[in-house]
Amino acid sequence: MKIVFLDAATMGDVSFAPISALGELECYQTSSREESLERVKDAEILIINKILVDKELIDAAPSLRLICEAATGVNNIDLEYAASKGIPVRNAVGYSTDSVVQMTFMMILSLVGKCRYFDDFVKSGEYSCSGLFTNVDRMFFELRGKRLGIIGLGNIGGRVAMVGEAFGMAVSYFSTSGTSHSKDYPSVSLDTLMSESDIISIHAPYNQRTAGLIGETELRMMKPSAYIVNMGRGGIVDEAALAKVIDEGRIAGAGVDVFTAEPLPSDNPLMNVRNLDRLILTPHIGWASTEARQRLVQMIADNISSIPGMLSR
């Protein structure tokens, strides 16, 4: 059985042994459009992360029996056309929850604690010359007693809420689906969440309801002392508007792990923010702890094994 992974570089140094045990695994670190069309010719199982799988690519793989998404989102796959060809699509759900939750609080604690400023203060030599044992120029607030507003209370958002409670925070959420399903936390309007939260944490998928959800109007509703963190998807927050309100000092700061275009273009407004100590940018790594990637590989292997008759050839 021929298994082709078109963009294996997205997985880093994780072992693919659970997958290669199931058939002949051919891994390509990256694949251009032309390379993808050539490399899927004999594929029976196709594994992709961010590669576009449209009608043309599916038709280029006449032996294709299964598409495995090495992620949760499948918006890069033409699901309707795959179904019309009788090709099942399997994704991986829940593998990265712990990783994203941890990264979320790395962002929050680094921003609130002014970590970059104090680290630079010591490493620059200013602390050595200050004559004081401390520096109270830019103080942080405690999370206890503050309000954590979560946009998207799914598996990840729910875990973020639990950790927020452990810090002593009051939690509320905005349901992007319009269904207020949680009995543990109050559901509020987006305007209320934006205006009352001390920390806003985004964990929603990108879809018609969330595209452009947070624009300049919403950002200007925030408290000047509040922070916003986007660990959901790029395109939910207007990046130009976010850069603007940060530099104007309208909000305390932001952490962003996901972007409208990835990798982040060098001319993106967030790359030109002047107040860098108010902004943390990471290259879409929230999902990618060592353990999460190991779980993802095993889930892909399980998805292949779960299809009736898939291993009989």
C-alpha atoms as a PDB file:
ATOM      1  CA  MET A   1       0.000   0.000   0.000  1.00  0.00           C
ATOM      2  CA  LYS A   2       1.504   3.323  -1.109  1.00  0.00           C
ATOM      3  CA  ILE A   3       1.241   6.142   1.460  1.00  0.00           C
ATOM      4  CA  VAL A   4       2.360   9.611   0.369  1.00  0.00           C
ATOM      5  CA  PHE A   5       2.931  12.546   2.743  1.00  0.00           C
ATOM      6  CA  LEU A   6       3.340  15.725   0.698  1.00  0.00           C
ATOM      7  CA  ASP A   7       4.419  18.216   3.396  1.00  0.00           C
ATOM      8  CA  ALA A   8       6.093  16.184   6.118  1.00  0.00           C
ATOM      9  CA  ALA A   9       8.363  19.097   7.096  1.00  0.00           C
ATOM     10  CA  THR A  10       5.398  20.572   8.971  1.00  0.00           C
ATOM     11  CA  MET A  11       5.740  17.745  11.494  1.00  0.00           C
ATOM     12  CA  GLY A  12       9.359  18.356  12.462  1.00  0.00           C
ATOM     13  CA  ASP A  13      11.488  15.522  13.816  1.00  0.00           C
ATOM     14  CA  VAL A  14       8.682  13.255  15.007  1.00  0.00           C
ATOM     15  CA  SER A  15       8.914   9.554  14.125  1.00  0.00           C
ATOM     16  CA  PHE A  16       6.527   8.255  11.456  1.00  0.00           C
ATOM     17  CA  ALA A  17       7.051   4.627  12.501  1.00  0.00           C
ATOM     18  CA  PRO A  18       3.352   3.977  13.333  1.00  0.00           C
ATOM     19  CA  ILE A  19       2.431   5.011   9.780  1.00  0.00           C
ATOM     20  CA  SER A  20       5.314   3.357   7.931  1.00  0.00           C
ATOM     21  CA  ALA A  21       4.413   0.077   9.658  1.00  0.00           C
ATOM     22  CA  LEU A  22       1.175   0.086   7.653  1.00  0.00           C
ATOM     23  CA  GLY A  23       2.616   0.324   4.158  1.00  0.00           C
ATOM     24  CA  GLU A  24       5.187   1.915   1.889  1.00  0.00           C
ATOM     25  CA  LEU A  25       5.517   5.467   3.225  1.00  0.00           C
ATOM     26  CA  GLU A  26       6.971   8.095   0.919  1.00  0.00           C
ATOM     27  CA  CYS A  27       7.621  11.393   2.698  1.00  0.00           C
ATOM     28  CA  TYR A  28       8.308  14.681   0.948  1.00  0.00           C
ATOM     29  CA  GLN A  29       9.407  17.562   3.131  1.00  0.00           C
ATOM     30  CA  THR A  30       7.606  20.111   0.965  1.00  0.00           C
ATOM     31  CA  SER A  31       5.775  19.927  -2.360  1.00  0.00           C
ATOM     32  CA  SER A  32       5.000  22.619  -4.887  1.00  0.00           C
ATOM     33  CA  ARG A  33       1.770  22.398  -6.849  1.00  0.00           C
ATOM     34  CA  GLU A  34       3.511  20.775  -9.804  1.00  0.00           C
ATOM     35  CA  GLU A  35       5.394  18.353  -7.550  1.00  0.00           C
ATOM     36  CA  SER A  36       2.198  17.426  -5.717  1.00  0.00           C
ATOM     37  CA  LEU A  37       0.418  16.518  -8.927  1.00  0.00           C
ATOM     38  CA  GLU A  38       3.304  14.248  -9.927  1.00  0.00           C
ATOM     39  CA  ARG A  39       3.877  12.673  -6.504  1.00  0.00           C
ATOM     40  CA  VAL A  40       0.299  11.492  -5.936  1.00  0.00           C
ATOM     41  CA  LYS A  41       0.114   9.435  -9.142  1.00  0.00           C
ATOM     42  CA  ASP A  42       0.470   6.100  -7.377  1.00  0.00           C
ATOM     43  CA  ALA A  43      -0.773   7.126  -3.936  1.00  0.00           C
ATOM     44  CA  GLU A  44      -3.418   4.988  -2.296  1.00  0.00           C
ATOM     45  CA  ILE A  45      -3.328   7.029   0.900  1.00  0.00           C
ATOM     46  CA  LEU A  46      -2.566  10.749   0.863  1.00  0.00           C
ATOM     47  CA  ILE A  47      -1.413  12.594   3.977  1.00  0.00           C
ATOM     48  CA  ILE A  48      -1.302  16.376   3.923  1.00  0.00           C
ATOM     49  CA  ASN A  49      -1.212  19.222   6.407  1.00  0.00           C
ATOM     50  CA  LYS A  50      -1.608  22.495   4.514  1.00  0.00           C
ATOM     51  CA  ILE A  51      -1.420  21.302   0.892  1.00  0.00           C
ATOM     52  CA  LEU A  52      -4.511  22.173  -1.161  1.00  0.00           C
ATOM     53  CA  VAL A  53      -6.396  19.022  -2.152  1.00  0.00           C
ATOM     54  CA  ASP A  54      -8.815  20.035  -4.879  1.00  0.00           C
ATOM     55  CA  LYS A  55     -10.426  18.297  -7.850  1.00  0.00           C
ATOM     56  CA  GLU A  56      -7.252  18.507  -9.931  1.00  0.00           C
ATOM     57  CA  LEU A  57      -5.092  16.877  -7.266  1.00  0.00           C
ATOM     58  CA  ILE A  58      -7.646  14.166  -6.518  1.00  0.00           C
ATOM     59  CA  ASP A  59      -7.979  13.371 -10.232  1.00  0.00           C
ATOM     60  CA  ALA A  60      -4.183  13.112 -10.462  1.00  0.00           C
ATOM     61  CA  ALA A  61      -4.328  10.185  -8.009  1.00  0.00           C
ATOM     62  CA  PRO A  62      -6.449   7.473  -9.679  1.00  0.00           C
ATOM     63  CA  SER A  63      -5.573   4.895  -6.994  1.00  0.00           C
ATOM     64  CA  LEU A  64      -6.450   7.166  -4.068  1.00  0.00           C
ATOM     65  CA  ARG A  65      -8.499   5.440  -1.363  1.00  0.00           C
ATOM     66  CA  LEU A  66      -8.105   7.734   1.654  1.00  0.00           C
ATOM     67  CA  ILE A  67      -7.114  11.333   2.473  1.00  0.00           C
ATOM     68  CA  CYS A  68      -5.650  11.943   5.917  1.00  0.00           C
ATOM     69  CA  GLU A  69      -5.446  15.511   7.209  1.00  0.00           C
ATOM     70  CA  ALA A  70      -2.502  15.923   9.599  1.00  0.00           C
ATOM     71  CA  ALA A  71      -4.490  18.501  11.550  1.00  0.00           C
ATOM     72  CA  THR A  72      -8.021  19.206  12.732  1.00  0.00           C
ATOM     73  CA  GLY A  73      -9.187  21.699  10.113  1.00  0.00           C
ATOM     74  CA  VAL A  74     -10.042  20.350   6.654  1.00  0.00           C
ATOM     75  CA  ASN A  75     -10.790  23.614   4.835  1.00  0.00           C
ATOM     76  CA  ASN A  76      -7.891  22.852   2.448  1.00  0.00           C
ATOM     77  CA  ILE A  77      -9.692  19.777   1.096  1.00  0.00           C
ATOM     78  CA  ASP A  78     -12.558  19.682  -1.408  1.00  0.00           C
ATOM     79  CA  LEU A  79     -14.706  17.418   0.755  1.00  0.00           C
ATOM     80  CA  GLU A  80     -17.636  17.361  -1.651  1.00  0.00           C
ATOM     81  CA  TYR A  81     -15.557  16.198  -4.586  1.00  0.00           C
ATOM     82  CA  ALA A  82     -13.703  13.613  -2.488  1.00  0.00           C
ATOM     83  CA  ALA A  83     -17.056  12.229  -1.354  1.00  0.00           C
ATOM     84  CA  SER A  84     -18.314  12.090  -4.926  1.00  0.00           C
ATOM     85  CA  LYS A  85     -15.317   9.891  -5.758  1.00  0.00           C
ATOM     86  CA  GLY A  86     -15.966   7.654  -2.750  1.00  0.00           C
ATOM     87  CA  ILE A  87     -12.768   8.778  -1.023  1.00  0.00           C
ATOM     88  CA  PRO A  88     -13.122   9.194   2.750  1.00  0.00           C
ATOM     89  CA  VAL A  89     -11.371  12.073   4.526  1.00  0.00           C
ATOM     90  CA  ARG A  90     -10.097  11.654   8.070  1.00  0.00           C
ATOM     91  CA  ASN A  91      -8.696  14.380  10.318  1.00  0.00           C
ATOM     92  CA  ALA A  92      -7.276  14.411  13.839  1.00  0.00           C
ATOM     93  CA  VAL A  93      -9.294  15.907  16.685  1.00  0.00           C
ATOM     94  CA  GLY A  94      -8.071  16.729  20.180  1.00  0.00           C
ATOM     95  CA  TYR A  95      -4.417  15.831  19.741  1.00  0.00           C
ATOM     96  CA  SER A  96      -3.160  19.365  20.443  1.00  0.00           C
ATOM     97  CA  THR A  97      -5.434  20.512  23.269  1.00  0.00           C
ATOM     98  CA  ASP A  98      -2.813  20.376  26.031  1.00  0.00           C
ATOM     99  CA  SER A  99      -0.210  21.999  23.799  1.00  0.00           C
ATOM    100  CA  VAL A 100      -2.437  24.930  22.800  1.00  0.00           C
ATOM    101  CA  VAL A 101      -3.625  25.533  26.360  1.00  0.00           C
ATOM    102  CA  GLN A 102      -0.032  25.658  27.585  1.00  0.00           C
ATOM    103  CA  MET A 103       0.980  28.049  24.801  1.00  0.00           C
ATOM    104  CA  THR A 104      -2.025  30.239  25.555  1.00  0.00           C
ATOM    105  CA  PHE A 105      -0.887  30.791  29.109  1.00  0.00           C
ATOM    106  CA  MET A 106       2.707  31.247  28.002  1.00  0.00           C
ATOM    107  CA  MET A 107       1.407  34.185  25.960  1.00  0.00           C
ATOM    108  CA  ILE A 108      -0.793  35.532  28.741  1.00  0.00           C
ATOM    109  CA  LEU A 109       1.819  35.284  31.488  1.00  0.00           C
ATOM    110  CA  SER A 110       4.579  36.737  29.307  1.00  0.00           C
ATOM    111  CA  LEU A 111       2.420  39.701  28.301  1.00  0.00           C
ATOM    112  CA  VAL A 112       0.932  40.455  31.705  1.00  0.00           C
ATOM    113  CA  GLY A 113       4.273  39.941  33.457  1.00  0.00           C
ATOM    114  CA  LYS A 114       6.118  42.282  31.042  1.00  0.00           C
ATOM    115  CA  CYS A 115       8.618  39.451  30.539  1.00  0.00           C
ATOM    116  CA  ARG A 116      10.319  40.946  27.468  1.00  0.00           C
ATOM    117  CA  TYR A 117      10.856  44.329  29.163  1.00  0.00           C
ATOM    118  CA  PHE A 118      12.365  42.923  32.352  1.00  0.00           C
ATOM    119  CA  ASP A 119      14.501  40.391  30.493  1.00  0.00           C
ATOM    120  CA  ASP A 120      15.889  43.171  28.274  1.00  0.00           C
ATOM    121  CA  PHE A 121      16.428  45.397  31.329  1.00  0.00           C
ATOM    122  CA  VAL A 122      18.734  42.851  32.927  1.00  0.00           C
ATOM    123  CA  LYS A 123      20.524  41.655  29.793  1.00  0.00           C
ATOM    124  CA  SER A 124      21.188  45.192  28.537  1.00  0.00           C
ATOM    125  CA  GLY A 125      23.198  45.988  31.662  1.00  0.00           C
ATOM    126  CA  GLU A 126      20.732  48.610  32.888  1.00  0.00           C
ATOM    127  CA  TYR A 127      19.959  46.564  35.992  1.00  0.00           C
ATOM    128  CA  SER A 128      23.642  46.296  36.877  1.00  0.00           C
ATOM    129  CA  CYS A 129      23.984  50.074  36.760  1.00  0.00           C
ATOM    130  CA  SER A 130      20.654  50.948  38.370  1.00  0.00           C
ATOM    131  CA  GLY A 131      21.705  51.008  42.017  1.00  0.00           C
ATOM    132  CA  LEU A 132      18.443  49.294  42.999  1.00  0.00           C
ATOM    133  CA  PHE A 133      17.766  45.644  43.743  1.00  0.00           C
ATOM    134  CA  THR A 134      14.526  45.774  41.728  1.00  0.00           C
ATOM    135  CA  ASN A 135      12.700  47.619  38.963  1.00  0.00           C
ATOM    136  CA  VAL A 136       9.135  48.811  39.500  1.00  0.00           C
ATOM    137  CA  ASP A 137       8.888  50.986  36.405  1.00  0.00           C
ATOM    138  CA  ARG A 138       6.417  48.712  34.620  1.00  0.00           C
ATOM    139  CA  MET A 139       4.363  46.646  36.979  1.00  0.00           C
ATOM    140  CA  PHE A 140       2.131  43.681  36.256  1.00  0.00           C
ATOM    141  CA  PHE A 141      -1.264  42.791  37.641  1.00  0.00           C
ATOM    142  CA  GLU A 142      -2.311  39.518  39.235  1.00  0.00           C
ATOM    143  CA  LEU A 143      -4.648  37.249  37.309  1.00  0.00           C
ATOM    144  CA  ARG A 144      -6.665  36.473  40.426  1.00  0.00           C
ATOM    145  CA  GLY A 145      -9.873  38.445  40.408  1.00  0.00           C
ATOM    146  CA  LYS A 146      -9.550  39.448  36.755  1.00  0.00           C
ATOM    147  CA  ARG A 147     -11.976  38.485  33.997  1.00  0.00           C
ATOM    148  CA  LEU A 148     -10.989  35.999  31.295  1.00  0.00           C
ATOM    149  CA  GLY A 149     -13.159  36.254  28.192  1.00  0.00           C
ATOM    150  CA  ILE A 150     -13.001  33.266  25.848  1.00  0.00           C
ATOM    151  CA  ILE A 151     -14.143  33.373  22.234  1.00  0.00           C
ATOM    152  CA  GLY A 152     -14.987  29.797  21.286  1.00  0.00           C
ATOM    153  CA  LEU A 153     -15.589  27.470  24.236  1.00  0.00           C
ATOM    154  CA  GLY A 154     -14.807  24.150  22.570  1.00  0.00           C
ATOM    155  CA  ASN A 155     -12.388  21.529  23.866  1.00  0.00           C
ATOM    156  CA  ILE A 156      -9.455  23.941  23.959  1.00  0.00           C
ATOM    157  CA  GLY A 157     -11.438  26.960  25.128  1.00  0.00           C
ATOM    158  CA  GLY A 158     -12.977  24.873  27.893  1.00  0.00           C
ATOM    159  CA  ARG A 159      -9.550  23.793  29.129  1.00  0.00           C
ATOM    160  CA  VAL A 160      -8.308  27.391  29.010  1.00  0.00           C
ATOM    161  CA  ALA A 161     -11.310  28.327  31.158  1.00  0.00           C
ATOM    162  CA  MET A 162     -10.377  25.683  33.732  1.00  0.00           C
ATOM    163  CA  VAL A 163      -6.785  26.909  33.957  1.00  0.00           C
ATOM    164  CA  GLY A 164      -8.030  30.493  34.214  1.00  0.00           C
ATOM    165  CA  GLU A 165     -10.205  29.450  37.153  1.00  0.00           C
ATOM    166  CA  ALA A 166      -7.162  27.838  38.781  1.00  0.00           C
ATOM    167  CA  PHE A 167      -5.523  31.272  38.681  1.00  0.00           C
ATOM    168  CA  GLY A 168      -8.609  32.697  40.376  1.00  0.00           C
ATOM    169  CA  MET A 169     -10.042  34.372  37.289  1.00  0.00           C
ATOM    170  CA  ALA A 170     -13.718  34.892  36.548  1.00  0.00           C
ATOM    171  CA  VAL A 171     -14.572  33.316  33.186  1.00  0.00           C
ATOM    172  CA  SER A 172     -17.180  34.241  30.581  1.00  0.00           C
ATOM    173  CA  TYR A 173     -17.409  33.305  26.928  1.00  0.00           C
ATOM    174  CA  PHE A 174     -18.869  34.274  23.564  1.00  0.00           C
ATOM    175  CA  SER A 175     -20.316  31.472  21.467  1.00  0.00           C
ATOM    176  CA  THR A 176     -19.358  31.915  17.829  1.00  0.00           C
ATOM    177  CA  SER A 177     -21.924  29.300  16.814  1.00  0.00           C
ATOM    178  CA  GLY A 178     -24.742  31.099  18.597  1.00  0.00           C
ATOM    179  CA  THR A 179     -25.362  28.094  20.832  1.00  0.00           C
ATOM    180  CA  SER A 180     -24.646  28.766  24.508  1.00  0.00           C
ATOM    181  CA  HIS A 181     -23.986  25.202  25.571  1.00  0.00           C
ATOM    182  CA  SER A 182     -21.955  25.607  28.756  1.00  0.00           C
ATOM    183  CA  LYS A 183     -23.544  25.404  32.199  1.00  0.00           C
ATOM    184  CA  ASP A 184     -20.248  26.212  33.907  1.00  0.00           C
ATOM    185  CA  TYR A 185     -19.633  29.729  32.569  1.00  0.00           C
ATOM    186  CA  PRO A 186     -21.884  32.633  31.565  1.00  0.00           C
ATOM    187  CA  SER A 187     -22.391  33.251  27.866  1.00  0.00           C
ATOM    188  CA  VAL A 188     -22.241  36.944  26.964  1.00  0.00           C
ATOM    189  CA  SER A 189     -22.488  39.059  23.847  1.00  0.00           C
ATOM    190  CA  LEU A 190     -19.329  39.855  21.919  1.00  0.00           C
ATOM    191  CA  ASP A 191     -19.574  43.532  22.882  1.00  0.00           C
ATOM    192  CA  THR A 192     -19.845  42.640  26.567  1.00  0.00           C
ATOM    193  CA  LEU A 193     -16.928  40.258  26.381  1.00  0.00           C
ATOM    194  CA  MET A 194     -14.711  42.778  24.597  1.00  0.00           C
ATOM    195  CA  SER A 195     -15.523  45.610  26.984  1.00  0.00           C
ATOM    196  CA  GLU A 196     -15.462  43.758  30.317  1.00  0.00           C
ATOM    197  CA  SER A 197     -12.589  41.263  29.941  1.00  0.00           C
ATOM    198  CA  ASP A 198      -9.080  41.813  31.249  1.00  0.00           C
ATOM    199  CA  ILE A 199      -7.772  38.969  29.083  1.00  0.00           C
ATOM    200  CA  ILE A 200      -9.436  37.882  25.833  1.00  0.00           C
ATOM    201  CA  SER A 201      -8.435  34.467  24.476  1.00  0.00           C
ATOM    202  CA  ILE A 202      -9.568  33.298  21.035  1.00  0.00           C
ATOM    203  CA  HIS A 203     -10.032  29.566  20.369  1.00  0.00           C
ATOM    204  CA  ALA A 204     -12.568  29.549  17.543  1.00  0.00           C
ATOM    205  CA  PRO A 205     -12.350  27.950  14.098  1.00  0.00           C
ATOM    206  CA  TYR A 206     -12.253  30.089  10.974  1.00  0.00           C
ATOM    207  CA  ASN A 207     -15.601  30.061   9.203  1.00  0.00           C
ATOM    208  CA  GLN A 208     -18.310  32.388   7.929  1.00  0.00           C
ATOM    209  CA  ARG A 209     -19.259  33.387  11.462  1.00  0.00           C
ATOM    210  CA  THR A 210     -15.740  34.183  12.636  1.00  0.00           C
ATOM    211  CA  ALA A 211     -14.103  35.719   9.552  1.00  0.00           C
ATOM    212  CA  GLY A 212     -13.237  39.318  10.500  1.00  0.00           C
ATOM    213  CA  LEU A 213     -15.063  38.897  13.820  1.00  0.00           C
ATOM    214  CA  ILE A 214     -12.664  41.179  15.702  1.00  0.00           C
ATOM    215  CA  GLY A 215     -12.128  44.447  13.861  1.00  0.00           C
ATOM    216  CA  GLU A 216     -11.102  47.920  14.950  1.00  0.00           C
ATOM    217  CA  THR A 217     -14.542  48.648  16.426  1.00  0.00           C
ATOM    218  CA  GLU A 218     -14.358  45.606  18.696  1.00  0.00           C
ATOM    219  CA  LEU A 219     -10.721  46.217  19.645  1.00  0.00           C
ATOM    220  CA  ARG A 220     -11.534  49.776  20.711  1.00  0.00           C
ATOM    221  CA  MET A 221     -14.127  48.389  23.117  1.00  0.00           C
ATOM    222  CA  MET A 222     -11.350  46.778  25.161  1.00  0.00           C
ATOM    223  CA  LYS A 223     -10.050  48.234  28.400  1.00  0.00           C
ATOM    224  CA  PRO A 224      -6.731  50.080  27.940  1.00  0.00           C
ATOM    225  CA  SER A 225      -5.286  47.616  30.465  1.00  0.00           C
ATOM    226  CA  ALA A 226      -6.565  44.519  28.642  1.00  0.00           C
ATOM    227  CA  TYR A 227      -4.752  41.965  26.491  1.00  0.00           C
ATOM    228  CA  ILE A 228      -5.955  39.823  23.595  1.00  0.00           C
ATOM    229  CA  VAL A 229      -4.488  36.472  22.525  1.00  0.00           C
ATOM    230  CA  ASN A 230      -5.341  34.700  19.272  1.00  0.00           C
ATOM    231  CA  MET A 231      -4.621  30.972  19.323  1.00  0.00           C
ATOM    232  CA  GLY A 232      -7.555  30.126  17.038  1.00  0.00           C
ATOM    233  CA  ARG A 233      -7.124  30.988  13.373  1.00  0.00           C
ATOM    234  CA  GLY A 234      -5.771  33.864  11.342  1.00  0.00           C
ATOM    235  CA  GLY A 235      -8.442  36.043   9.783  1.00  0.00           C
ATOM    236  CA  ILE A 236     -10.555  36.162  12.931  1.00  0.00           C
ATOM    237  CA  VAL A 237      -8.739  39.334  14.036  1.00  0.00           C
ATOM    238  CA  ASP A 238      -8.102  42.247  11.680  1.00  0.00           C
ATOM    239  CA  GLU A 239      -4.302  42.378  11.814  1.00  0.00           C
ATOM    240  CA  ALA A 240      -3.986  45.970  10.595  1.00  0.00           C
ATOM    241  CA  ALA A 241      -6.490  47.140  13.193  1.00  0.00           C
ATOM    242  CA  LEU A 242      -4.672  45.209  15.918  1.00  0.00           C
ATOM    243  CA  ALA A 243      -1.336  46.787  15.003  1.00  0.00           C
ATOM    244  CA  LYS A 244      -2.982  50.211  15.056  1.00  0.00           C
ATOM    245  CA  VAL A 245      -4.566  49.944  18.498  1.00  0.00           C
ATOM    246  CA  ILE A 246      -1.346  48.531  19.983  1.00  0.00           C
ATOM    247  CA  ASP A 247       0.729  51.437  18.709  1.00  0.00           C
ATOM    248  CA  GLU A 248      -1.901  53.932  19.803  1.00  0.00           C
ATOM    249  CA  GLY A 249      -1.805  52.461  23.309  1.00  0.00           C
ATOM    250  CA  ARG A 250      -5.525  51.716  23.157  1.00  0.00           C
ATOM    251  CA  ILE A 251      -4.917  48.215  24.547  1.00  0.00           C
ATOM    252  CA  ALA A 252      -2.160  46.838  26.748  1.00  0.00           C
ATOM    253  CA  GLY A 253      -0.952  44.265  24.249  1.00  0.00           C
ATOM    254  CA  ALA A 254      -1.537  41.126  22.223  1.00  0.00           C
ATOM    255  CA  GLY A 255      -0.196  37.666  21.530  1.00  0.00           C
ATOM    256  CA  VAL A 256      -0.706  36.118  18.089  1.00  0.00           C
ATOM    257  CA  ASP A 257       0.159  32.584  16.980  1.00  0.00           C
ATOM    258  CA  VAL A 258      -1.972  32.394  13.831  1.00  0.00           C
ATOM    259  CA  PHE A 259      -2.114  34.691  10.819  1.00  0.00           C
ATOM    260  CA  THR A 260      -4.242  35.385   7.766  1.00  0.00           C
ATOM    261  CA  ALA A 261      -1.300  34.383   5.539  1.00  0.00           C
ATOM    262  CA  GLU A 262       1.259  31.854   6.754  1.00  0.00           C
ATOM    263  CA  PRO A 263       4.175  32.183   6.836  1.00  0.00           C
ATOM    264  CA  LEU A 264       3.673  35.797   7.925  1.00  0.00           C
ATOM    265  CA  PRO A 265       4.530  38.190   5.071  1.00  0.00           C
ATOM    266  CA  SER A 266       7.276  40.660   5.917  1.00  0.00           C
ATOM    267  CA  ASP A 267       4.978  43.561   5.066  1.00  0.00           C
ATOM    268  CA  ASN A 268       2.211  42.460   7.434  1.00  0.00           C
ATOM    269  CA  PRO A 269       1.219  45.371   9.719  1.00  0.00           C
ATOM    270  CA  LEU A 270       2.080  43.323  12.800  1.00  0.00           C
ATOM    271  CA  MET A 271       5.710  43.216  11.617  1.00  0.00           C
ATOM    272  CA  ASN A 272       5.861  47.003  11.801  1.00  0.00           C
ATOM    273  CA  VAL A 273       4.453  47.555  15.283  1.00  0.00           C
ATOM    274  CA  ARG A 274       6.613  50.096  17.128  1.00  0.00           C
ATOM    275  CA  ASN A 275       5.696  49.006  20.647  1.00  0.00           C
ATOM    276  CA  LEU A 276       7.272  45.553  20.427  1.00  0.00           C
ATOM    277  CA  ASP A 277       7.136  44.970  24.173  1.00  0.00           C
ATOM    278  CA  ARG A 278       3.322  44.981  23.831  1.00  0.00           C
ATOM    279  CA  LEU A 279       3.279  42.248  21.200  1.00  0.00           C
ATOM    280  CA  ILE A 280       4.282  38.573  21.088  1.00  0.00           C
ATOM    281  CA  LEU A 281       4.296  36.811  17.717  1.00  0.00           C
ATOM    282  CA  THR A 282       4.913  33.075  17.363  1.00  0.00           C
ATOM    283  CA  PRO A 283       4.982  31.042  14.102  1.00  0.00           C
ATOM    284  CA  HIS A 284       1.805  28.940  14.493  1.00  0.00           C
ATOM    285  CA  ILE A 285       3.376  26.610  17.047  1.00  0.00           C
ATOM    286  CA  GLY A 286       0.564  26.254  19.571  1.00  0.00           C
ATOM    287  CA  TRP A 287      -0.331  22.792  18.247  1.00  0.00           C
ATOM    288  CA  ALA A 288       3.200  21.470  18.012  1.00  0.00           C
ATOM    289  CA  SER A 289       4.507  20.188  21.339  1.00  0.00           C
ATOM    290  CA  THR A 290       6.549  17.005  21.061  1.00  0.00           C
ATOM    291  CA  GLU A 291       3.764  15.011  22.673  1.00  0.00           C
ATOM    292  CA  ALA A 292       1.070  16.546  20.459  1.00  0.00           C
ATOM    293  CA  ARG A 293       2.944  15.625  17.292  1.00  0.00           C
ATOM    294  CA  GLN A 294       3.448  12.085  18.553  1.00  0.00           C
ATOM    295  CA  ARG A 295      -0.283  11.826  19.252  1.00  0.00           C
ATOM    296  CA  LEU A 296      -1.021  13.209  15.798  1.00  0.00           C
ATOM    297  CA  VAL A 297       1.108  10.562  14.059  1.00  0.00           C
ATOM    298  CA  GLN A 298      -0.637   7.819  16.017  1.00  0.00           C
ATOM    299  CA  MET A 299      -4.051   9.265  15.148  1.00  0.00           C
ATOM    300  CA  ILE A 300      -3.162   9.282  11.455  1.00  0.00           C
ATOM    301  CA  ALA A 301      -2.082   5.641  11.726  1.00  0.00           C
ATOM    302  CA  ASP A 302      -5.313   4.801  13.553  1.00  0.00           C
ATOM    303  CA  ASN A 303      -7.341   6.602  10.881  1.00  0.00           C
ATOM    304  CA  ILE A 304      -5.709   4.482   8.195  1.00  0.00           C
ATOM    305  CA  SER A 305      -6.265   1.257  10.144  1.00  0.00           C
ATOM    306  CA  SER A 306      -9.906   2.099  10.842  1.00  0.00           C
ATOM    307  CA  ILE A 307     -10.992   2.063   7.192  1.00  0.00           C
ATOM    308  CA  PRO A 308     -12.440  -1.392   6.361  1.00  0.00           C
ATOM    309  CA  GLY A 309     -10.223  -3.296   3.952  1.00  0.00           C
ATOM    310  CA  MET A 310      -7.548  -0.589   3.901  1.00  0.00           C
ATOM    311  CA  LEU A 311      -4.777  -2.899   5.117  1.00  0.00           C
ATOM    312  CA  SER A 312      -5.803  -5.924   3.088  1.00  0.00           C
ATOM    313  CA  ARG A 313      -3.846  -4.925  -0.002  1.00  0.00           C
END
